N, C-alpha and C. Protein backbone atom coordinates (compact mmCIF):
# COMPACT_ATOMS: atom_id res chain seq x y z
N ASP A 1 -16.32 -79.84 -8.42
CA ASP A 1 -17.40 -80.22 -9.50
C ASP A 1 -18.50 -79.14 -9.03
N VAL A 2 -19.35 -78.72 -9.74
CA VAL A 2 -20.42 -77.73 -9.46
C VAL A 2 -21.63 -78.67 -9.30
N PRO A 3 -22.36 -78.48 -7.96
CA PRO A 3 -23.54 -79.23 -7.73
C PRO A 3 -24.48 -78.69 -8.55
N HIS A 4 -25.72 -79.96 -8.88
CA HIS A 4 -26.90 -79.73 -9.76
C HIS A 4 -27.97 -78.82 -8.91
N PHE A 5 -27.71 -78.74 -7.66
CA PHE A 5 -28.90 -77.92 -6.96
C PHE A 5 -28.18 -76.95 -6.19
N VAL A 6 -29.00 -75.77 -6.00
CA VAL A 6 -28.57 -74.58 -5.11
C VAL A 6 -29.60 -74.64 -4.25
N PHE A 7 -29.46 -73.94 -2.90
CA PHE A 7 -30.40 -73.52 -1.80
C PHE A 7 -30.62 -72.29 -1.80
N TYR A 8 -31.78 -71.94 -1.74
CA TYR A 8 -32.51 -70.62 -1.35
C TYR A 8 -33.63 -70.65 -0.61
N ASN A 9 -33.61 -70.02 0.65
CA ASN A 9 -34.45 -69.96 1.59
C ASN A 9 -34.89 -71.51 1.85
N ASN A 10 -33.83 -72.52 2.15
CA ASN A 10 -34.27 -73.81 2.32
C ASN A 10 -35.15 -74.65 1.10
N LEU A 11 -34.73 -74.02 0.16
CA LEU A 11 -35.68 -74.72 -1.06
C LEU A 11 -34.45 -75.10 -1.94
N ARG A 12 -34.73 -76.47 -2.16
CA ARG A 12 -33.60 -76.99 -3.38
C ARG A 12 -34.17 -76.82 -4.69
N ILE A 13 -33.13 -76.11 -5.34
CA ILE A 13 -33.61 -75.63 -6.76
C ILE A 13 -32.52 -76.12 -7.77
N LYS A 14 -32.86 -76.53 -8.70
CA LYS A 14 -32.03 -77.23 -10.02
C LYS A 14 -31.21 -76.04 -10.63
N LYS A 15 -30.18 -76.38 -10.81
CA LYS A 15 -29.46 -75.06 -11.56
C LYS A 15 -30.07 -74.92 -13.07
N LYS A 16 -30.33 -76.06 -13.43
CA LYS A 16 -30.92 -75.98 -14.86
C LYS A 16 -32.30 -74.98 -14.96
N GLN A 17 -33.10 -75.21 -13.86
CA GLN A 17 -34.42 -74.20 -13.65
C GLN A 17 -33.92 -72.79 -13.64
N ILE A 18 -32.97 -72.67 -12.70
CA ILE A 18 -32.45 -71.14 -12.88
C ILE A 18 -31.82 -70.63 -14.22
N CYS A 19 -31.37 -71.49 -14.94
CA CYS A 19 -31.06 -71.17 -15.92
C CYS A 19 -32.00 -70.88 -17.14
N ASP A 20 -33.04 -71.84 -17.12
CA ASP A 20 -34.08 -71.74 -17.86
C ASP A 20 -35.00 -70.41 -17.35
N LEU A 21 -35.11 -70.00 -16.01
CA LEU A 21 -35.89 -68.93 -15.72
C LEU A 21 -34.87 -67.58 -16.26
N GLN A 22 -33.72 -67.67 -16.07
CA GLN A 22 -32.92 -66.54 -16.50
C GLN A 22 -33.04 -66.22 -18.12
N ARG A 23 -33.21 -67.46 -18.78
CA ARG A 23 -33.41 -67.27 -20.36
C ARG A 23 -34.90 -66.79 -20.54
N LEU A 24 -35.73 -67.14 -19.82
CA LEU A 24 -37.20 -66.67 -20.06
C LEU A 24 -37.13 -65.22 -19.64
N LEU A 25 -36.60 -64.87 -18.50
CA LEU A 25 -36.79 -63.38 -18.26
C LEU A 25 -35.91 -62.53 -19.21
N SER A 26 -34.97 -62.86 -19.79
CA SER A 26 -34.10 -62.21 -20.77
C SER A 26 -35.18 -62.19 -21.88
N GLU A 27 -35.78 -62.91 -22.36
CA GLU A 27 -36.69 -63.17 -23.55
C GLU A 27 -37.82 -62.11 -23.21
N LEU A 28 -38.32 -62.04 -22.02
CA LEU A 28 -39.47 -61.11 -21.66
C LEU A 28 -39.10 -59.93 -21.70
N LEU A 29 -37.77 -59.67 -21.11
CA LEU A 29 -37.15 -58.09 -21.27
C LEU A 29 -37.20 -57.63 -22.56
N LYS A 30 -36.51 -58.52 -23.54
CA LYS A 30 -36.61 -58.04 -24.87
C LYS A 30 -37.87 -57.84 -25.45
N GLN A 31 -38.94 -58.60 -25.18
CA GLN A 31 -40.15 -58.28 -25.70
C GLN A 31 -40.77 -57.10 -25.18
N LEU A 32 -40.48 -56.70 -23.84
CA LEU A 32 -41.00 -55.56 -23.16
C LEU A 32 -40.31 -54.36 -23.79
N ASN A 33 -38.98 -54.40 -24.07
CA ASN A 33 -38.31 -53.37 -24.66
C ASN A 33 -39.00 -53.14 -26.06
N GLU A 34 -39.03 -54.18 -27.05
CA GLU A 34 -39.99 -54.07 -28.40
C GLU A 34 -41.21 -53.38 -28.20
N GLN A 35 -42.16 -53.86 -27.22
CA GLN A 35 -43.36 -53.07 -27.06
C GLN A 35 -43.09 -51.68 -26.79
N LYS A 36 -42.29 -51.58 -25.78
CA LYS A 36 -41.83 -50.23 -25.49
C LYS A 36 -41.59 -49.05 -26.67
N ARG A 37 -40.80 -49.69 -27.73
CA ARG A 37 -40.46 -49.02 -28.75
C ARG A 37 -41.64 -48.86 -29.60
N HIS A 38 -42.56 -49.80 -29.80
CA HIS A 38 -43.86 -49.55 -30.60
C HIS A 38 -44.74 -48.50 -29.79
N MET A 39 -44.87 -48.26 -28.59
CA MET A 39 -45.57 -47.45 -27.89
C MET A 39 -45.15 -46.23 -28.15
N GLN A 40 -43.75 -45.78 -28.08
CA GLN A 40 -43.25 -44.81 -28.24
C GLN A 40 -43.57 -44.15 -29.75
N ARG A 41 -43.50 -45.10 -30.71
CA ARG A 41 -43.67 -44.72 -32.16
C ARG A 41 -45.35 -44.03 -31.96
N LEU A 42 -46.04 -45.07 -31.61
CA LEU A 42 -47.54 -44.58 -31.49
C LEU A 42 -47.59 -43.28 -30.88
N LEU A 43 -47.12 -43.05 -29.87
CA LEU A 43 -47.32 -42.06 -28.80
C LEU A 43 -46.91 -40.61 -30.01
N LYS A 44 -45.76 -40.86 -30.47
CA LYS A 44 -45.28 -39.87 -31.53
C LYS A 44 -46.24 -39.34 -32.60
N ILE A 45 -46.84 -40.62 -33.00
CA ILE A 45 -47.98 -40.38 -34.10
C ILE A 45 -48.97 -39.72 -33.43
N CYS A 46 -49.44 -39.91 -32.48
CA CYS A 46 -50.60 -39.44 -31.61
C CYS A 46 -50.36 -38.04 -31.39
N LEU A 47 -49.14 -37.33 -31.02
CA LEU A 47 -48.63 -36.24 -30.67
C LEU A 47 -48.49 -35.36 -31.83
N ASP A 48 -48.29 -35.89 -32.96
CA ASP A 48 -48.15 -35.36 -34.49
C ASP A 48 -49.55 -35.01 -34.83
N VAL A 49 -50.62 -35.89 -34.60
CA VAL A 49 -51.80 -35.73 -35.09
C VAL A 49 -52.59 -34.64 -34.40
N PHE A 50 -52.29 -34.67 -33.05
CA PHE A 50 -52.64 -33.60 -32.19
C PHE A 50 -52.30 -32.21 -32.46
N ASP A 51 -50.88 -32.34 -32.85
CA ASP A 51 -50.12 -30.84 -33.33
C ASP A 51 -50.68 -30.35 -34.37
N ILE A 52 -51.13 -31.06 -35.46
CA ILE A 52 -51.39 -30.82 -36.65
C ILE A 52 -53.08 -30.14 -36.42
N PHE A 53 -53.89 -31.07 -35.68
CA PHE A 53 -55.30 -30.49 -35.30
C PHE A 53 -55.34 -29.22 -34.74
N PHE A 54 -54.47 -29.21 -33.57
CA PHE A 54 -54.75 -28.13 -32.86
C PHE A 54 -54.28 -26.89 -33.14
N SER A 55 -53.17 -26.85 -34.03
CA SER A 55 -52.42 -25.76 -34.36
C SER A 55 -53.51 -25.08 -35.53
N ASN A 56 -53.88 -26.13 -36.34
CA ASN A 56 -54.90 -25.65 -37.36
C ASN A 56 -56.03 -24.97 -36.66
N HIS A 57 -56.63 -25.91 -35.39
CA HIS A 57 -57.67 -24.93 -34.81
C HIS A 57 -57.54 -23.68 -34.39
N TYR A 58 -56.30 -23.39 -33.82
CA TYR A 58 -56.15 -21.90 -33.33
C TYR A 58 -55.80 -20.97 -34.54
N ARG A 59 -55.29 -21.58 -35.74
CA ARG A 59 -54.94 -20.57 -36.69
C ARG A 59 -56.32 -20.27 -37.69
N ASN A 60 -57.22 -21.38 -37.59
CA ASN A 60 -58.27 -21.43 -38.66
C ASN A 60 -59.18 -22.50 -38.43
N LYS A 61 -60.48 -22.05 -37.75
CA LYS A 61 -61.15 -23.11 -37.30
C LYS A 61 -61.91 -23.94 -38.41
N LYS A 62 -62.07 -23.52 -39.51
CA LYS A 62 -62.30 -24.19 -40.63
C LYS A 62 -61.44 -25.42 -41.23
N ASP A 63 -60.01 -24.96 -41.03
CA ASP A 63 -59.36 -26.00 -41.34
C ASP A 63 -59.05 -27.12 -40.34
N ALA A 64 -59.42 -26.58 -39.10
CA ALA A 64 -59.44 -27.53 -37.82
C ALA A 64 -60.69 -28.73 -38.05
N LYS A 65 -61.71 -28.21 -38.67
CA LYS A 65 -62.91 -28.93 -38.77
C LYS A 65 -62.61 -29.94 -39.95
N ASP A 66 -61.90 -29.22 -40.90
CA ASP A 66 -61.42 -30.34 -42.24
C ASP A 66 -60.55 -31.53 -41.68
N ASN A 67 -59.48 -31.10 -40.72
CA ASN A 67 -58.65 -32.13 -40.38
C ASN A 67 -59.47 -33.08 -39.46
N PHE A 68 -60.51 -32.57 -38.62
CA PHE A 68 -61.33 -33.37 -37.66
C PHE A 68 -61.86 -34.42 -38.56
N LYS A 69 -62.54 -34.07 -39.75
CA LYS A 69 -62.92 -35.11 -40.72
C LYS A 69 -61.87 -36.25 -41.18
N ILE A 70 -60.69 -35.91 -41.18
CA ILE A 70 -59.85 -36.90 -41.43
C ILE A 70 -59.44 -37.79 -40.43
N PHE A 71 -59.43 -37.26 -39.03
CA PHE A 71 -59.10 -37.84 -37.83
C PHE A 71 -60.38 -37.95 -36.96
N PRO A 72 -61.51 -38.57 -37.40
CA PRO A 72 -62.65 -38.47 -36.51
C PRO A 72 -62.67 -39.29 -35.21
N HIS A 73 -61.42 -40.00 -35.15
CA HIS A 73 -61.11 -40.51 -33.74
C HIS A 73 -60.67 -39.65 -32.55
N CYS A 74 -60.53 -38.48 -33.00
CA CYS A 74 -60.08 -37.39 -32.04
C CYS A 74 -61.26 -36.70 -31.47
N CYS A 75 -61.82 -37.35 -30.41
CA CYS A 75 -63.21 -36.88 -29.84
C CYS A 75 -63.32 -35.43 -29.09
N PHE A 76 -61.72 -34.92 -28.97
CA PHE A 76 -61.69 -33.72 -28.15
C PHE A 76 -62.19 -32.35 -28.87
N TYR A 77 -62.79 -32.43 -30.08
CA TYR A 77 -63.01 -31.27 -30.56
C TYR A 77 -64.48 -31.44 -30.58
N ASN A 78 -65.18 -30.27 -29.93
CA ASN A 78 -66.77 -30.27 -29.82
C ASN A 78 -67.32 -29.18 -29.94
N THR A 79 -66.84 -28.31 -30.98
CA THR A 79 -67.32 -26.87 -31.20
C THR A 79 -68.22 -27.15 -32.38
């Protein structure tokens, strides 16, 4: 028969608490992975925007200024 308690560093812990904690940690890990995917997508979008903006900047300053009007939150353009 499995005891309902386990001992860890002289603490008596209910097995149900351990199962609940494992479930919560698993859910947290799932959410963190989902956030990581969102952040990777956002980073890709930002890199694409900078790629468009700066490639035009070096090719043609007028186009870069036009792109800057489309993406005014890119505050690195200061000419």
